[in-house]
Amino acid sequence: MTARLAKLFTDHPASVDETYFGHMAFAFWFASRLFMAAGAALVHAFLPFLFETAASSIVRGLAERTHKRSPLAP
């Protein structure tokens, strides 16, 4: 039972060649970038002359980075 539970936490990180804690660190970093993109988009919604391309640039960069690192990517 313990081995099956541990497998739930380690299978996906292993599939992208990371440890559990390495994957956690990357996920926290990724989430912080998404929060930055969301903040830029929110400010842009009210003040369209600010952050005109910030959110899309961040999202594009995240997509490129995750595509390059994942052996599961097509």
PDB file of N, CA and C in Angstrom:
ATOM      1  N   MET A   1       0.821  -1.202   0.000  1.00  0.00           N
ATOM      2  CA  MET A   1       0.000   0.000   0.000  1.00  0.00           C
ATOM      3  C   MET A   1       0.868   1.271   0.000  1.00  0.00           C
ATOM      4  N   THR A   2       1.898   1.287   0.842  1.00  0.00           N
ATOM      5  CA  THR A   2       2.789   2.441   0.909  1.00  0.00           C
ATOM      6  C   THR A   2       3.515   2.640  -0.420  1.00  0.00           C
ATOM      7  N   ALA A   3       3.918   1.547  -1.038  1.00  0.00           N
ATOM      8  CA  ALA A   3       4.610   1.641  -2.330  1.00  0.00           C
ATOM      9  C   ALA A   3       3.688   2.203  -3.397  1.00  0.00           C
ATOM     10  N   ARG A   4       2.421   1.792  -3.389  1.00  0.00           N
ATOM     11  CA  ARG A   4       1.468   2.329  -4.373  1.00  0.00           C
ATOM     12  C   ARG A   4       1.237   3.814  -4.154  1.00  0.00           C
ATOM     13  N   LEU A   5       1.170   4.224  -2.895  1.00  0.00           N
ATOM     14  CA  LEU A   5       0.990   5.640  -2.588  1.00  0.00           C
ATOM     15  C   LEU A   5       2.214   6.444  -3.024  1.00  0.00           C
ATOM     16  N   ALA A   6       3.394   5.949  -2.754  1.00  0.00           N
ATOM     17  CA  ALA A   6       4.626   6.627  -3.172  1.00  0.00           C
ATOM     18  C   ALA A   6       4.682   6.730  -4.689  1.00  0.00           C
ATOM     19  N   LYS A   7       4.231   5.703  -5.378  1.00  0.00           N
ATOM     20  CA  LYS A   7       4.217   5.687  -6.840  1.00  0.00           C
ATOM     21  C   LYS A   7       3.339   6.812  -7.400  1.00  0.00           C
ATOM     22  N   LEU A   8       2.236   7.112  -6.717  1.00  0.00           N
ATOM     23  CA  LEU A   8       1.361   8.211  -7.148  1.00  0.00           C
ATOM     24  C   LEU A   8       2.098   9.545  -7.179  1.00  0.00           C
ATOM     25  N   PHE A   9       3.023   9.720  -6.233  1.00  0.00           N
ATOM     26  CA  PHE A   9       3.754  10.971  -6.119  1.00  0.00           C
ATOM     27  C   PHE A   9       5.020  11.024  -6.968  1.00  0.00           C
ATOM     28  N   THR A  10       5.493   9.897  -7.438  1.00  0.00           N
ATOM     29  CA  THR A  10       6.769   9.892  -8.154  1.00  0.00           C
ATOM     30  C   THR A  10       6.681   9.529  -9.632  1.00  0.00           C
ATOM     31  N   ASP A  11       5.595   8.922 -10.069  1.00  0.00           N
ATOM     32  CA  ASP A  11       5.488   8.509 -11.474  1.00  0.00           C
ATOM     33  C   ASP A  11       5.572   9.683 -12.443  1.00  0.00           C
ATOM     34  N   HIS A  12       4.756  10.693 -12.235  1.00  0.00           N
ATOM     35  CA  HIS A  12       4.768  11.818 -13.171  1.00  0.00           C
ATOM     36  C   HIS A  12       6.105  12.564 -13.144  1.00  0.00           C
ATOM     37  N   PRO A  13       6.634  12.942 -11.974  1.00  0.00           N
ATOM     38  CA  PRO A  13       7.953  13.596 -12.004  1.00  0.00           C
ATOM     39  C   PRO A  13       9.006  12.747 -12.716  1.00  0.00           C
ATOM     40  N   ALA A  14       8.984  11.450 -12.508  1.00  0.00           N
ATOM     41  CA  ALA A  14       9.957  10.577 -13.182  1.00  0.00           C
ATOM     42  C   ALA A  14       9.752  10.601 -14.693  1.00  0.00           C
ATOM     43  N   SER A  15       8.512  10.771 -15.146  1.00  0.00           N
ATOM     44  CA  SER A  15       8.237  10.778 -16.586  1.00  0.00           C
ATOM     45  C   SER A  15       8.845  11.989 -17.285  1.00  0.00           C
ATOM     46  N   VAL A  16       9.142  13.040 -16.524  1.00  0.00           N
ATOM     47  CA  VAL A  16       9.822  14.213 -17.087  1.00  0.00           C
ATOM     48  C   VAL A  16      11.237  14.322 -16.531  1.00  0.00           C
ATOM     49  N   ASP A  17      11.753  13.171 -16.062  1.00  0.00           N
ATOM     50  CA  ASP A  17      13.137  13.043 -15.592  1.00  0.00           C
ATOM     51  C   ASP A  17      13.462  13.987 -14.437  1.00  0.00           C
ATOM     52  N   GLU A  18      12.560  14.044 -13.443  1.00  0.00           N
ATOM     53  CA  GLU A  18      12.765  14.871 -12.265  1.00  0.00           C
ATOM     54  C   GLU A  18      12.457  14.076 -11.003  1.00  0.00           C
ATOM     55  N   THR A  19      12.990  14.544  -9.896  1.00  0.00           N
ATOM     56  CA  THR A  19      12.616  13.983  -8.604  1.00  0.00           C
ATOM     57  C   THR A  19      11.313  14.649  -8.163  1.00  0.00           C
ATOM     58  N   TYR A  20      10.741  14.123  -7.112  1.00  0.00           N
ATOM     59  CA  TYR A  20       9.512  14.720  -6.572  1.00  0.00           C
ATOM     60  C   TYR A  20       9.754  16.189  -6.201  1.00  0.00           C
ATOM     61  N   PHE A  21      10.836  16.449  -5.445  1.00  0.00           N
ATOM     62  CA  PHE A  21      11.093  17.818  -4.996  1.00  0.00           C
ATOM     63  C   PHE A  21      11.575  18.721  -6.126  1.00  0.00           C
ATOM     64  N   GLY A  22      12.289  18.182  -7.083  1.00  0.00           N
ATOM     65  CA  GLY A  22      12.668  18.960  -8.251  1.00  0.00           C
ATOM     66  C   GLY A  22      11.451  19.371  -9.058  1.00  0.00           C
ATOM     67  N   HIS A  23      10.518  18.444  -9.188  1.00  0.00           N
ATOM     68  CA  HIS A  23       9.280  18.742  -9.902  1.00  0.00           C
ATOM     69  C   HIS A  23       8.455  19.769  -9.137  1.00  0.00           C
ATOM     70  N   MET A  24       8.449  19.644  -7.811  1.00  0.00           N
ATOM     71  CA  MET A  24       7.719  20.610  -6.989  1.00  0.00           C
ATOM     72  C   MET A  24       8.285  22.007  -7.178  1.00  0.00           C
ATOM     73  N   ALA A  25       9.606  22.125  -7.176  1.00  0.00           N
ATOM     74  CA  ALA A  25      10.250  23.429  -7.356  1.00  0.00           C
ATOM     75  C   ALA A  25       9.906  24.019  -8.722  1.00  0.00           C
ATOM     76  N   PHE A  26       9.952  23.183  -9.763  1.00  0.00           N
ATOM     77  CA  PHE A  26       9.606  23.676 -11.096  1.00  0.00           C
ATOM     78  C   PHE A  26       8.143  24.114 -11.151  1.00  0.00           C
ATOM     79  N   ALA A  27       7.252  23.349 -10.538  1.00  0.00           N
ATOM     80  CA  ALA A  27       5.829  23.689 -10.544  1.00  0.00           C
ATOM     81  C   ALA A  27       5.571  25.005  -9.801  1.00  0.00           C
ATOM     82  N   PHE A  28       6.271  25.228  -8.683  1.00  0.00           N
ATOM     83  CA  PHE A  28       6.137  26.504  -7.974  1.00  0.00           C
ATOM     84  C   PHE A  28       6.642  27.657  -8.825  1.00  0.00           C
ATOM     85  N   TRP A  29       7.784  27.459  -9.491  1.00  0.00           N
ATOM     86  CA  TRP A  29       8.322  28.496 -10.373  1.00  0.00           C
ATOM     87  C   TRP A  29       7.332  28.786 -11.504  1.00  0.00           C
ATOM     88  N   PHE A  30       6.802  27.731 -12.100  1.00  0.00           N
ATOM     89  CA  PHE A  30       5.853  27.855 -13.201  1.00  0.00           C
ATOM     90  C   PHE A  30       4.612  28.625 -12.743  1.00  0.00           C
ATOM     91  N   ALA A  31       4.097  28.272 -11.564  1.00  0.00           N
ATOM     92  CA  ALA A  31       2.917  28.956 -11.024  1.00  0.00           C
ATOM     93  C   ALA A  31       3.203  30.436 -10.782  1.00  0.00           C
ATOM     94  N   SER A  32       4.410  30.754 -10.305  1.00  0.00           N
ATOM     95  CA  SER A  32       4.741  32.163 -10.069  1.00  0.00           C
ATOM     96  C   SER A  32       4.731  32.950 -11.369  1.00  0.00           C
ATOM     97  N   ARG A  33       5.225  32.335 -12.434  1.00  0.00           N
ATOM     98  CA  ARG A  33       5.195  33.003 -13.740  1.00  0.00           C
ATOM     99  C   ARG A  33       3.756  33.188 -14.239  1.00  0.00           C
ATOM    100  N   LEU A  34       2.904  32.196 -13.996  1.00  0.00           N
ATOM    101  CA  LEU A  34       1.499  32.328 -14.385  1.00  0.00           C
ATOM    102  C   LEU A  34       0.807  33.446 -13.604  1.00  0.00           C
ATOM    103  N   PHE A  35       1.129  33.571 -12.312  1.00  0.00           N
ATOM    104  CA  PHE A  35       0.570  34.668 -11.514  1.00  0.00           C
ATOM    105  C   PHE A  35       1.036  36.019 -12.056  1.00  0.00           C
ATOM    106  N   MET A  36       2.298  36.100 -12.466  1.00  0.00           N
ATOM    107  CA  MET A  36       2.794  37.342 -13.060  1.00  0.00           C
ATOM    108  C   MET A  36       2.040  37.660 -14.349  1.00  0.00           C
ATOM    109  N   ALA A  37       1.818  36.648 -15.179  1.00  0.00           N
ATOM    110  CA  ALA A  37       1.082  36.857 -16.434  1.00  0.00           C
ATOM    111  C   ALA A  37      -0.347  37.301 -16.144  1.00  0.00           C
ATOM    112  N   ALA A  38      -0.973  36.677 -15.151  1.00  0.00           N
ATOM    113  CA  ALA A  38      -2.343  37.044 -14.786  1.00  0.00           C
ATOM    114  C   ALA A  38      -2.396  38.484 -14.282  1.00  0.00           C
ATOM    115  N   GLY A  39      -1.422  38.863 -13.471  1.00  0.00           N
ATOM    116  CA  GLY A  39      -1.384  40.242 -12.972  1.00  0.00           C
ATOM    117  C   GLY A  39      -1.218  41.246 -14.097  1.00  0.00           C
ATOM    118  N   ALA A  40      -0.327  40.953 -15.025  1.00  0.00           N
ATOM    119  CA  ALA A  40      -0.124  41.840 -16.169  1.00  0.00           C
ATOM    120  C   ALA A  40      -1.389  41.945 -17.006  1.00  0.00           C
ATOM    121  N   ALA A  41      -2.074  40.816 -17.206  1.00  0.00           N
ATOM    122  CA  ALA A  41      -3.310  40.833 -17.996  1.00  0.00           C
ATOM    123  C   ALA A  41      -4.404  41.628 -17.279  1.00  0.00           C
ATOM    124  N   LEU A  42      -4.463  41.511 -15.960  1.00  0.00           N
ATOM    125  CA  LEU A  42      -5.470  42.248 -15.187  1.00  0.00           C
ATOM    126  C   LEU A  42      -5.219  43.750 -15.274  1.00  0.00           C
ATOM    127  N   VAL A  43      -3.989  44.172 -15.104  1.00  0.00           N
ATOM    128  CA  VAL A  43      -3.663  45.591 -15.230  1.00  0.00           C
ATOM    129  C   VAL A  43      -3.962  46.051 -16.652  1.00  0.00           C
ATOM    130  N   HIS A  44      -3.590  45.254 -17.633  1.00  0.00           N
ATOM    131  CA  HIS A  44      -3.824  45.599 -19.034  1.00  0.00           C
ATOM    132  C   HIS A  44      -5.314  45.757 -19.341  1.00  0.00           C
ATOM    133  N   ALA A  45      -6.155  44.976 -18.672  1.00  0.00           N
ATOM    134  CA  ALA A  45      -7.608  45.069 -18.902  1.00  0.00           C
ATOM    135  C   ALA A  45      -8.126  46.473 -18.572  1.00  0.00           C
ATOM    136  N   PHE A  46      -7.571  47.078 -17.532  1.00  0.00           N
ATOM    137  CA  PHE A  46      -8.025  48.406 -17.118  1.00  0.00           C
ATOM    138  C   PHE A  46      -7.213  49.533 -17.748  1.00  0.00           C
ATOM    139  N   LEU A  47      -5.949  49.265 -18.000  1.00  0.00           N
ATOM    140  CA  LEU A  47      -5.048  50.261 -18.574  1.00  0.00           C
ATOM    141  C   LEU A  47      -4.371  49.643 -19.797  1.00  0.00           C
ATOM    142  N   PRO A  48      -5.071  49.622 -20.924  1.00  0.00           N
ATOM    143  CA  PRO A  48      -4.595  48.875 -22.090  1.00  0.00           C
ATOM    144  C   PRO A  48      -3.266  49.360 -22.674  1.00  0.00           C
ATOM    145  N   PHE A  49      -2.796  50.512 -22.252  1.00  0.00           N
ATOM    146  CA  PHE A  49      -1.511  51.010 -22.736  1.00  0.00           C
ATOM    147  C   PHE A  49      -0.349  50.426 -21.932  1.00  0.00           C
ATOM    148  N   LEU A  50      -0.639  49.676 -20.869  1.00  0.00           N
ATOM    149  CA  LEU A  50       0.398  49.022 -20.071  1.00  0.00           C
ATOM    150  C   LEU A  50       0.415  47.521 -20.353  1.00  0.00           C
ATOM    151  N   PHE A  51       1.572  46.929 -20.284  1.00  0.00           N
ATOM    152  CA  PHE A  51       1.748  45.475 -20.413  1.00  0.00           C
ATOM    153  C   PHE A  51       1.071  44.907 -21.664  1.00  0.00           C
ATOM    154  N   GLU A  52       1.266  45.572 -22.784  1.00  0.00           N
ATOM    155  CA  GLU A  52       0.588  45.184 -24.023  1.00  0.00           C
ATOM    156  C   GLU A  52       0.914  43.762 -24.470  1.00  0.00           C
ATOM    157  N   THR A  53       2.123  43.309 -24.238  1.00  0.00           N
ATOM    158  CA  THR A  53       2.501  41.961 -24.682  1.00  0.00           C
ATOM    159  C   THR A  53       3.054  41.092 -23.554  1.00  0.00           C
ATOM    160  N   ALA A  54       3.036  41.588 -22.338  1.00  0.00           N
ATOM    161  CA  ALA A  54       3.676  40.878 -21.224  1.00  0.00           C
ATOM    162  C   ALA A  54       3.073  39.495 -20.980  1.00  0.00           C
ATOM    163  N   ALA A  55       1.756  39.429 -20.851  1.00  0.00           N
ATOM    164  CA  ALA A  55       1.120  38.143 -20.534  1.00  0.00           C
ATOM    165  C   ALA A  55       1.362  37.119 -21.642  1.00  0.00           C
ATOM    166  N   SER A  56       1.173  37.523 -22.881  1.00  0.00           N
ATOM    167  CA  SER A  56       1.362  36.565 -23.972  1.00  0.00           C
ATOM    168  C   SER A  56       2.825  36.143 -24.094  1.00  0.00           C
ATOM    169  N   SER A  57       3.759  37.050 -23.828  1.00  0.00           N
ATOM    170  CA  SER A  57       5.180  36.691 -23.871  1.00  0.00           C
ATOM    171  C   SER A  57       5.527  35.674 -22.789  1.00  0.00           C
ATOM    172  N   ILE A  58       4.989  35.875 -21.590  1.00  0.00           N
ATOM    173  CA  ILE A  58       5.251  34.934 -20.496  1.00  0.00           C
ATOM    174  C   ILE A  58       4.676  33.565 -20.836  1.00  0.00           C
ATOM    175  N   VAL A  59       3.441  33.528 -21.300  1.00  0.00           N
ATOM    176  CA  VAL A  59       2.797  32.254 -21.635  1.00  0.00           C
ATOM    177  C   VAL A  59       3.541  31.550 -22.768  1.00  0.00           C
ATOM    178  N   ARG A  60       3.948  32.294 -23.772  1.00  0.00           N
ATOM    179  CA  ARG A  60       4.710  31.708 -24.885  1.00  0.00           C
ATOM    180  C   ARG A  60       6.018  31.106 -24.373  1.00  0.00           C
ATOM    181  N   GLY A  61       6.709  31.831 -23.518  1.00  0.00           N
ATOM    182  CA  GLY A  61       7.957  31.334 -22.957  1.00  0.00           C
ATOM    183  C   GLY A  61       7.754  30.074 -22.133  1.00  0.00           C
ATOM    184  N   LEU A  62       6.674  30.031 -21.353  1.00  0.00           N
ATOM    185  CA  LEU A  62       6.383  28.839 -20.560  1.00  0.00           C
ATOM    186  C   LEU A  62       6.074  27.648 -21.455  1.00  0.00           C
ATOM    187  N   ALA A  63       5.313  27.881 -22.512  1.00  0.00           N
ATOM    188  CA  ALA A  63       4.982  26.788 -23.435  1.00  0.00           C
ATOM    189  C   ALA A  63       6.243  26.236 -24.090  1.00  0.00           C
ATOM    190  N   GLU A  64       7.128  27.123 -24.526  1.00  0.00           N
ATOM    191  CA  GLU A  64       8.385  26.671 -25.143  1.00  0.00           C
ATOM    192  C   GLU A  64       9.243  25.895 -24.153  1.00  0.00           C
ATOM    193  N   ARG A  65       9.312  26.398 -22.936  1.00  0.00           N
ATOM    194  CA  ARG A  65      10.153  25.740 -21.932  1.00  0.00           C
ATOM    195  C   ARG A  65       9.618  24.354 -21.575  1.00  0.00           C
ATOM    196  N   THR A  66       8.305  24.225 -21.403  1.00  0.00           N
ATOM    197  CA  THR A  66       7.762  22.917 -21.038  1.00  0.00           C
ATOM    198  C   THR A  66       7.818  21.959 -22.214  1.00  0.00           C
ATOM    199  N   HIS A  67       7.664  22.454 -23.429  1.00  0.00           N
ATOM    200  CA  HIS A  67       7.740  21.597 -24.597  1.00  0.00           C
ATOM    201  C   HIS A  67       9.137  21.004 -24.749  1.00  0.00           C
ATOM    202  N   LYS A  68      10.153  21.804 -24.485  1.00  0.00           N
ATOM    203  CA  LYS A  68      11.547  21.361 -24.618  1.00  0.00           C
ATOM    204  C   LYS A  68      11.950  20.368 -23.545  1.00  0.00           C
ATOM    205  N   ARG A  69      11.335  20.422 -22.368  1.00  0.00           N
ATOM    206  CA  ARG A  69      11.792  19.598 -21.253  1.00  0.00           C
ATOM    207  C   ARG A  69      11.043  18.286 -21.132  1.00  0.00           C
ATOM    208  N   SER A  70       9.929  18.137 -21.801  1.00  0.00           N
ATOM    209  CA  SER A  70       9.097  16.957 -21.602  1.00  0.00           C
ATOM    210  C   SER A  70       9.336  15.891 -22.670  1.00  0.00           C
ATOM    211  N   PRO A  71       9.771  14.692 -22.244  1.00  0.00           N
ATOM    212  CA  PRO A  71       9.901  13.609 -23.224  1.00  0.00           C
ATOM    213  C   PRO A  71       8.528  13.144 -23.731  1.00  0.00           C
ATOM    214  N   LEU A  72       7.453  13.569 -23.064  1.00  0.00           N
ATOM    215  CA  LEU A  72       6.105  13.192 -23.479  1.00  0.00           C
ATOM    216  C   LEU A  72       5.561  14.089 -24.575  1.00  0.00           C
ATOM    217  N   ALA A  73       6.204  15.235 -24.800  1.00  0.00           N
ATOM    218  CA  ALA A  73       5.719  16.182 -25.800  1.00  0.00           C
ATOM    219  C   ALA A  73       5.873  15.581 -27.203  1.00  0.00           C
ATOM    220  N   PRO A  74       4.896  15.864 -28.074  1.00  0.00           N
ATOM    221  CA  PRO A  74       4.958  15.329 -29.440  1.00  0.00           C
ATOM    222  C   PRO A  74       6.076  15.959 -30.256  1.00  0.00           C
TER     223      PRO A  74
END
